[in-house]
Amino acid sequence: MLVSVLITTYNLEKYIAETLDSVLAQETDFPVEILVGDDGSQDGTVAIVQDYMERHPGRIALYQMPREEGVAYNRVNRSAANRLNLLEHAGGDYCTFLDGDDYYIDEKKLQRQVDTLENKENADCVMCAHNLLMVYPDGNEAPLCRAKREHKLALKNYWKLMFLQANAVLFRNIYRENKPTGALAANFDDNNITYWLFQHGKMYYLPECMGAYRQVQGSSWNAISMLQQSASNMIGYSIERELAPDEYVLSDIRHYPDLKYLYERREEFRPEQLSPFYETAQECNLKEALWIYRMGTAEASELREMRKRLRRGKRGYQWAKLCRAIQKILGRY
């Protein structure tokens, strides 16, 4: 058995050594390969990785994606291409992604996840995920997820309210038989990765924080407005409805806050203000996202359809929050 740890980097010379050290420190009874995909870093990231390759021969491989000077690249598309390229080269029976500025804080992390998925009782699970510790620049720390019970999750249980960043997930290597295509391949990012995996099985959740999820100031997400964040989430909304059209209710529930935010402000913005997400939706022909972005000029029938989705999403969202509150009281969350 082999596990592939797929690390993506871009100008992360401050963090990559800690990331690599945390993977090399893993205590396992199976071999672990470390594949680093660099997205054209212009700092010392690649040199550091190459130094680690020399000091740990045969354990680390580096795959570089060059950049042309003066060309503006789409961050999500580049990250997606980087991840998919690493999956092409992954030889592991199990794979897990790791951003080059994050790191493991439990030396038994990989062993615990593999043991969980190797358990015959969990044959219906395609992935095992654990909680993450959010680490802030000021030194503060907090768990990403508040769920404290170890248990299995189907899509319908997870998708309404939970979020675990892709670094937390170790999954069976289903890639070669189930390669992401189309819009999913161009936007192979956190939630979309998890949604893709849920199409092939359940998640086994471990409540312990086994990895650190660094909250970097000025990140690409924190640097954009709430309007743009909501617009960004509509990319995922559209992909979900294409991947699993029968699960549209779950998507309406999960994205209810964003749908509501955009609907209420539909007359205040125009699609061109939602760059680069509008361009991404156009390039990938994401019909649902484009429909929402153009809501300011929608016809009466389209507005009725959106209000219907909002009512459905609101009911499901409020019910999910109530159920979670009751579960917390009963100690079942």
Protein backbone atom coordinates (compact mmCIF):
# COMPACT_ATOMS: atom_id res chain seq x y z
CA MET A 1 0.00 0.00 0.00
CA LEU A 2 1.19 3.52 -0.82
CA VAL A 3 -0.14 6.93 0.24
CA SER A 4 0.41 10.00 -1.94
CA VAL A 5 0.61 13.41 -0.24
CA LEU A 6 0.01 16.05 -2.92
CA ILE A 7 1.42 19.45 -1.93
CA THR A 8 0.63 22.57 -3.97
CA THR A 9 2.85 25.65 -3.71
CA TYR A 10 3.19 29.16 -5.05
CA ASN A 11 5.66 31.62 -3.49
CA LEU A 12 5.61 29.90 -0.11
CA GLU A 13 9.29 30.00 0.88
CA LYS A 14 8.31 31.11 4.42
CA TYR A 15 6.24 27.99 5.05
CA ILE A 16 7.18 25.08 2.79
CA ALA A 17 9.93 23.68 5.06
CA GLU A 18 7.49 23.34 7.98
CA THR A 19 4.98 21.70 5.65
CA LEU A 20 7.48 19.14 4.35
CA ASP A 21 8.86 18.43 7.83
CA SER A 22 5.36 17.67 9.10
CA VAL A 23 4.80 15.09 6.35
CA LEU A 24 8.23 13.51 6.74
CA ALA A 25 7.54 13.14 10.48
CA GLN A 26 4.48 10.95 9.88
CA GLU A 27 4.70 7.58 11.60
CA THR A 28 3.20 4.91 9.32
CA ASP A 29 3.53 1.19 8.59
CA PHE A 30 3.19 1.93 4.86
CA PRO A 31 5.30 4.01 2.45
CA VAL A 32 4.40 7.65 1.77
CA GLU A 33 5.32 9.51 -1.41
CA ILE A 34 5.41 13.31 -1.41
CA LEU A 35 4.56 15.01 -4.71
CA VAL A 36 5.05 18.77 -4.81
CA GLY A 37 3.37 20.79 -7.54
CA ASP A 38 4.79 24.29 -7.87
CA ASP A 39 2.76 26.90 -9.73
CA GLY A 40 5.68 28.92 -11.09
CA SER A 41 7.02 30.34 -7.80
CA GLN A 42 9.35 33.31 -8.17
CA ASP A 43 10.80 33.18 -4.67
CA GLY A 44 12.92 30.49 -3.01
CA THR A 45 10.20 27.83 -2.75
CA VAL A 46 11.58 25.54 -5.46
CA ALA A 47 15.15 25.73 -4.13
CA ILE A 48 13.93 24.67 -0.68
CA VAL A 49 12.00 21.72 -2.15
CA GLN A 50 15.02 20.67 -4.17
CA ASP A 51 17.18 20.77 -1.04
CA TYR A 52 14.69 18.45 0.70
CA MET A 53 14.78 16.13 -2.32
CA GLU A 54 18.55 15.83 -1.99
CA ARG A 55 18.34 15.15 1.74
CA HIS A 56 15.48 12.64 1.37
CA PRO A 57 16.25 10.79 -1.89
CA GLY A 58 13.38 8.88 -3.43
CA ARG A 59 10.74 10.33 -1.11
CA ILE A 60 9.91 13.66 -2.78
CA ALA A 61 9.16 14.50 -6.41
CA LEU A 62 8.72 17.99 -7.85
CA TYR A 63 6.45 18.99 -10.75
CA GLN A 64 6.68 22.58 -11.98
CA MET A 65 4.16 24.64 -13.91
CA PRO A 66 5.93 27.53 -15.67
CA ARG A 67 4.50 31.05 -15.89
CA GLU A 68 4.96 33.55 -18.68
CA GLU A 69 5.98 37.03 -17.63
CA GLY A 70 3.22 39.61 -17.95
CA VAL A 71 0.41 37.04 -18.29
CA ALA A 72 -2.52 37.35 -15.86
CA TYR A 73 -3.49 33.92 -14.57
CA ASN A 74 -6.74 32.78 -12.97
CA ARG A 75 -5.79 31.59 -9.47
CA VAL A 76 -8.51 28.94 -9.21
CA ASN A 77 -7.86 27.52 -12.68
CA ARG A 78 -4.11 27.31 -12.00
CA SER A 79 -4.64 25.65 -8.62
CA ALA A 80 -7.04 23.17 -10.23
CA ALA A 81 -4.55 22.31 -12.96
CA ASN A 82 -1.82 21.88 -10.35
CA ARG A 83 -3.89 19.47 -8.28
CA LEU A 84 -5.01 17.44 -11.28
CA ASN A 85 -1.45 17.18 -12.55
CA LEU A 86 -0.37 15.77 -9.20
CA LEU A 87 -3.21 13.24 -9.32
CA GLU A 88 -1.98 12.15 -12.75
CA HIS A 89 1.37 11.27 -11.19
CA ALA A 90 0.07 9.86 -7.89
CA GLY A 91 0.79 6.18 -7.45
CA GLY A 92 -0.89 5.84 -4.06
CA ASP A 93 -3.86 3.71 -3.15
CA TYR A 94 -4.86 6.73 -1.09
CA CYS A 95 -4.28 10.43 -1.78
CA THR A 96 -4.52 13.64 0.19
CA PHE A 97 -3.95 17.28 -0.74
CA LEU A 98 -1.95 19.72 1.36
CA ASP A 99 -1.45 23.42 0.71
CA GLY A 100 2.19 24.44 0.94
CA ASP A 101 1.57 26.84 3.83
CA ASP A 102 -0.32 24.33 6.00
CA TYR A 103 1.07 21.44 8.03
CA TYR A 104 0.24 18.33 10.06
CA ILE A 105 0.16 18.52 13.85
CA ASP A 106 -0.45 14.83 14.59
CA GLU A 107 2.26 12.34 13.62
CA LYS A 108 -0.32 9.54 13.43
CA LYS A 109 -2.65 11.45 11.10
CA LEU A 110 -2.10 9.42 7.92
CA GLN A 111 -2.00 6.11 9.78
CA ARG A 112 -5.27 6.88 11.55
CA GLN A 113 -7.03 7.83 8.32
CA VAL A 114 -5.79 4.80 6.40
CA ASP A 115 -6.70 2.43 9.24
CA THR A 116 -10.19 3.93 9.25
CA LEU A 117 -10.72 3.39 5.54
CA GLU A 118 -9.15 -0.09 5.63
CA ASN A 119 -11.74 -1.15 8.21
CA LYS A 120 -14.23 -3.38 6.37
CA GLU A 121 -17.09 -1.67 8.18
CA ASN A 122 -16.15 1.53 6.33
CA ALA A 123 -16.10 0.07 2.83
CA ASP A 124 -18.91 2.49 1.93
CA CYS A 125 -16.63 5.47 2.70
CA VAL A 126 -14.55 6.97 -0.09
CA MET A 127 -12.82 9.40 2.25
CA CYS A 128 -11.79 10.00 5.84
CA ALA A 129 -11.61 13.58 7.09
CA HIS A 130 -10.49 15.09 10.38
CA ASN A 131 -10.93 18.46 12.01
CA LEU A 132 -8.43 21.25 11.36
CA LEU A 133 -6.93 23.82 13.70
CA MET A 134 -7.16 27.32 12.25
CA VAL A 135 -3.93 29.17 13.07
CA TYR A 136 -4.02 32.98 12.94
CA PRO A 137 -1.09 35.41 12.52
CA ASP A 138 -1.62 36.79 16.04
CA GLY A 139 -1.13 33.34 17.55
CA ASN A 140 -4.79 32.59 18.19
CA GLU A 141 -6.10 29.12 17.31
CA ALA A 142 -9.56 27.64 16.91
CA PRO A 143 -11.06 24.41 15.49
CA LEU A 144 -12.48 24.81 12.01
CA CYS A 145 -15.43 22.50 12.71
CA ARG A 146 -17.46 22.29 15.91
CA ALA A 147 -18.60 18.69 15.36
CA LYS A 148 -17.23 16.58 18.21
CA ARG A 149 -18.60 13.12 17.38
CA GLU A 150 -16.77 10.53 15.28
CA HIS A 151 -19.20 9.22 12.68
CA LYS A 152 -20.02 8.59 9.04
CA LEU A 153 -21.56 11.29 6.90
CA ALA A 154 -23.52 11.03 3.68
CA LEU A 155 -23.77 14.02 1.38
CA LYS A 156 -27.21 14.94 2.73
CA ASN A 157 -25.84 15.15 6.28
CA TYR A 158 -22.64 17.03 5.46
CA TRP A 159 -23.61 19.45 2.73
CA LYS A 160 -26.20 21.54 4.53
CA LEU A 161 -23.93 23.22 7.09
CA MET A 162 -20.51 21.56 7.45
CA PHE A 163 -17.24 22.67 5.87
CA LEU A 164 -13.86 20.97 6.00
CA GLN A 165 -11.01 22.28 3.88
CA ALA A 166 -9.63 19.76 1.37
CA ASN A 167 -6.38 19.36 3.37
CA ALA A 168 -8.36 17.42 5.96
CA VAL A 169 -9.45 14.70 3.53
CA LEU A 170 -7.65 11.47 2.69
CA PHE A 171 -9.44 9.58 -0.09
CA ARG A 172 -9.30 6.38 -2.04
CA ASN A 173 -7.53 6.97 -5.33
CA ILE A 174 -10.57 6.92 -7.60
CA TYR A 175 -9.06 9.43 -10.01
CA ARG A 176 -8.17 7.29 -12.99
CA GLU A 177 -11.66 5.81 -13.30
CA ASN A 178 -13.44 9.04 -12.40
CA LYS A 179 -11.42 11.92 -13.82
CA PRO A 180 -13.02 15.34 -13.27
CA THR A 181 -14.00 16.94 -16.55
CA GLY A 182 -15.44 20.20 -17.81
CA ALA A 183 -16.23 22.90 -15.28
CA LEU A 184 -15.25 20.68 -12.35
CA ALA A 185 -11.77 20.15 -13.78
CA ALA A 186 -11.31 23.90 -14.28
CA ASN A 187 -12.49 24.61 -10.72
CA PHE A 188 -11.10 21.64 -8.78
CA ASP A 189 -11.04 23.48 -5.45
CA ASP A 190 -12.02 22.79 -1.81
CA ASN A 191 -15.79 22.31 -1.84
CA ASN A 192 -15.82 21.03 -5.41
CA ILE A 193 -13.26 18.35 -4.53
CA THR A 194 -15.36 17.19 -1.58
CA TYR A 195 -18.56 17.23 -3.66
CA TRP A 196 -16.84 15.13 -6.35
CA LEU A 197 -15.80 12.59 -3.73
CA PHE A 198 -19.29 12.42 -2.23
CA GLN A 199 -20.55 11.18 -5.59
CA HIS A 200 -18.57 7.99 -4.92
CA GLY A 201 -19.22 7.27 -1.25
CA LYS A 202 -19.51 8.58 2.29
CA MET A 203 -17.14 10.51 4.53
CA TYR A 204 -15.83 9.15 7.83
CA TYR A 205 -15.29 12.09 10.17
CA LEU A 206 -12.70 12.25 12.97
CA PRO A 207 -13.22 15.20 15.37
CA GLU A 208 -9.54 15.54 16.40
CA CYS A 209 -7.57 18.43 14.91
CA MET A 210 -4.72 16.69 13.08
CA GLY A 211 -3.67 19.49 10.76
CA ALA A 212 -3.08 23.24 10.91
CA TYR A 213 -5.00 25.45 8.50
CA ARG A 214 -3.04 28.67 8.35
CA GLN A 215 -5.17 31.84 8.08
CA VAL A 216 -2.92 34.15 6.10
CA GLN A 217 -3.68 37.87 6.16
CA GLY A 218 -4.33 39.35 2.76
CA SER A 219 -5.18 35.97 1.22
CA SER A 220 -6.98 35.95 -2.11
CA TRP A 221 -10.26 35.14 -0.32
CA ASN A 222 -10.02 37.74 2.44
CA ALA A 223 -8.95 40.39 -0.06
CA ILE A 224 -12.25 40.38 -1.98
CA SER A 225 -15.61 41.90 -1.06
CA MET A 226 -18.59 39.97 0.31
CA LEU A 227 -20.30 40.50 -3.04
CA GLN A 228 -17.41 38.82 -4.83
CA GLN A 229 -17.25 36.03 -2.25
CA SER A 230 -20.93 35.28 -2.84
CA ALA A 231 -20.34 35.40 -6.58
CA SER A 232 -17.43 32.98 -6.18
CA ASN A 233 -19.62 30.52 -4.28
CA MET A 234 -22.05 30.53 -7.17
CA ILE A 235 -19.39 28.78 -9.26
CA GLY A 236 -19.61 25.85 -6.85
CA TYR A 237 -23.41 26.08 -6.77
CA SER A 238 -23.55 25.75 -10.54
CA ILE A 239 -21.09 22.84 -10.63
CA GLU A 240 -23.04 21.00 -7.94
CA ARG A 241 -26.30 21.29 -9.85
CA GLU A 242 -24.60 19.91 -12.96
CA LEU A 243 -22.83 17.05 -11.15
CA ALA A 244 -25.87 15.91 -9.18
CA PRO A 245 -29.06 17.56 -10.49
CA ASP A 246 -31.23 15.40 -8.23
CA GLU A 247 -29.58 16.94 -5.16
CA TYR A 248 -30.58 20.52 -6.01
CA VAL A 249 -32.35 20.96 -2.67
CA LEU A 250 -29.08 20.40 -0.79
CA SER A 251 -27.37 23.02 -2.94
CA ASP A 252 -30.18 25.51 -2.33
CA ILE A 253 -29.80 24.95 1.41
CA ARG A 254 -26.02 25.18 1.54
CA HIS A 255 -25.88 28.31 -0.59
CA TYR A 256 -28.98 30.00 0.80
CA PRO A 257 -27.05 32.90 2.46
CA ASP A 258 -25.23 33.69 -0.79
CA LEU A 259 -28.35 33.31 -2.94
CA LYS A 260 -30.23 35.66 -0.61
CA TYR A 261 -27.38 38.20 -0.55
CA LEU A 262 -27.11 38.34 -4.33
CA TYR A 263 -30.87 38.38 -4.92
CA GLU A 264 -31.40 41.30 -2.55
CA ARG A 265 -28.66 43.27 -4.33
CA ARG A 266 -29.49 42.22 -7.87
CA GLU A 267 -30.26 45.79 -8.97
CA GLU A 268 -27.05 47.21 -7.46
CA PHE A 269 -24.48 45.26 -9.48
CA ARG A 270 -23.78 44.23 -13.03
CA PRO A 271 -22.05 40.99 -14.13
CA GLU A 272 -18.87 42.79 -15.13
CA GLN A 273 -18.41 43.85 -11.48
CA LEU A 274 -18.10 40.19 -10.49
CA SER A 275 -14.74 39.62 -12.20
CA PRO A 276 -13.08 37.14 -12.43
CA PHE A 277 -15.99 34.89 -11.52
CA TYR A 278 -18.22 36.16 -14.31
CA GLU A 279 -15.50 35.40 -16.86
CA THR A 280 -14.99 31.93 -15.33
CA ALA A 281 -18.72 31.23 -15.60
CA GLN A 282 -18.67 32.32 -19.23
CA GLU A 283 -15.62 30.23 -20.10
CA CYS A 284 -17.07 27.12 -18.45
CA ASN A 285 -20.65 27.82 -19.56
CA LEU A 286 -21.92 27.63 -15.98
CA LYS A 287 -25.57 28.35 -16.70
CA GLU A 288 -26.79 28.57 -13.11
CA ALA A 289 -24.05 31.02 -12.09
CA LEU A 290 -24.60 33.19 -15.18
CA TRP A 291 -28.33 33.22 -14.54
CA ILE A 292 -27.75 34.49 -11.00
CA TYR A 293 -25.14 37.06 -12.05
CA ARG A 294 -27.65 38.51 -14.52
CA MET A 295 -30.52 38.59 -12.05
CA GLY A 296 -30.65 42.39 -12.24
CA THR A 297 -32.19 42.16 -15.70
CA ALA A 298 -34.18 38.97 -15.12
CA GLU A 299 -37.73 38.50 -16.32
CA ALA A 300 -40.63 38.08 -13.90
CA SER A 301 -40.70 34.29 -14.37
CA GLU A 302 -37.00 34.06 -13.50
CA LEU A 303 -37.48 36.12 -10.36
CA ARG A 304 -40.32 33.83 -9.32
CA GLU A 305 -38.02 30.83 -9.76
CA MET A 306 -35.35 32.48 -7.61
CA ARG A 307 -37.87 33.31 -4.87
CA LYS A 308 -38.94 29.65 -4.96
CA ARG A 309 -35.35 28.54 -4.45
CA LEU A 310 -34.90 31.04 -1.65
CA ARG A 311 -38.01 29.78 0.18
CA ARG A 312 -36.82 26.20 -0.22
CA GLY A 313 -33.30 27.09 0.85
CA LYS A 314 -34.45 29.11 3.85
CA ARG A 315 -36.68 26.31 5.16
CA GLY A 316 -33.92 23.74 4.80
CA TYR A 317 -31.23 26.04 6.20
CA GLN A 318 -33.24 26.94 9.30
CA TRP A 319 -34.25 23.33 9.87
CA ALA A 320 -30.64 22.17 9.56
CA LYS A 321 -29.52 24.78 12.10
CA LEU A 322 -32.27 23.70 14.51
CA CYS A 323 -31.33 20.02 14.14
CA ARG A 324 -27.68 20.84 14.75
CA ALA A 325 -28.56 22.82 17.90
CA ILE A 326 -30.59 19.89 19.24
CA GLN A 327 -27.78 17.46 18.42
CA LYS A 328 -25.32 19.65 20.33
CA ILE A 329 -27.58 19.66 23.38
CA LEU A 330 -27.89 15.87 23.22
CA GLY A 331 -24.17 15.43 22.64
CA ARG A 332 -24.70 13.88 19.20
CA TYR A 333 -22.88 16.46 17.10
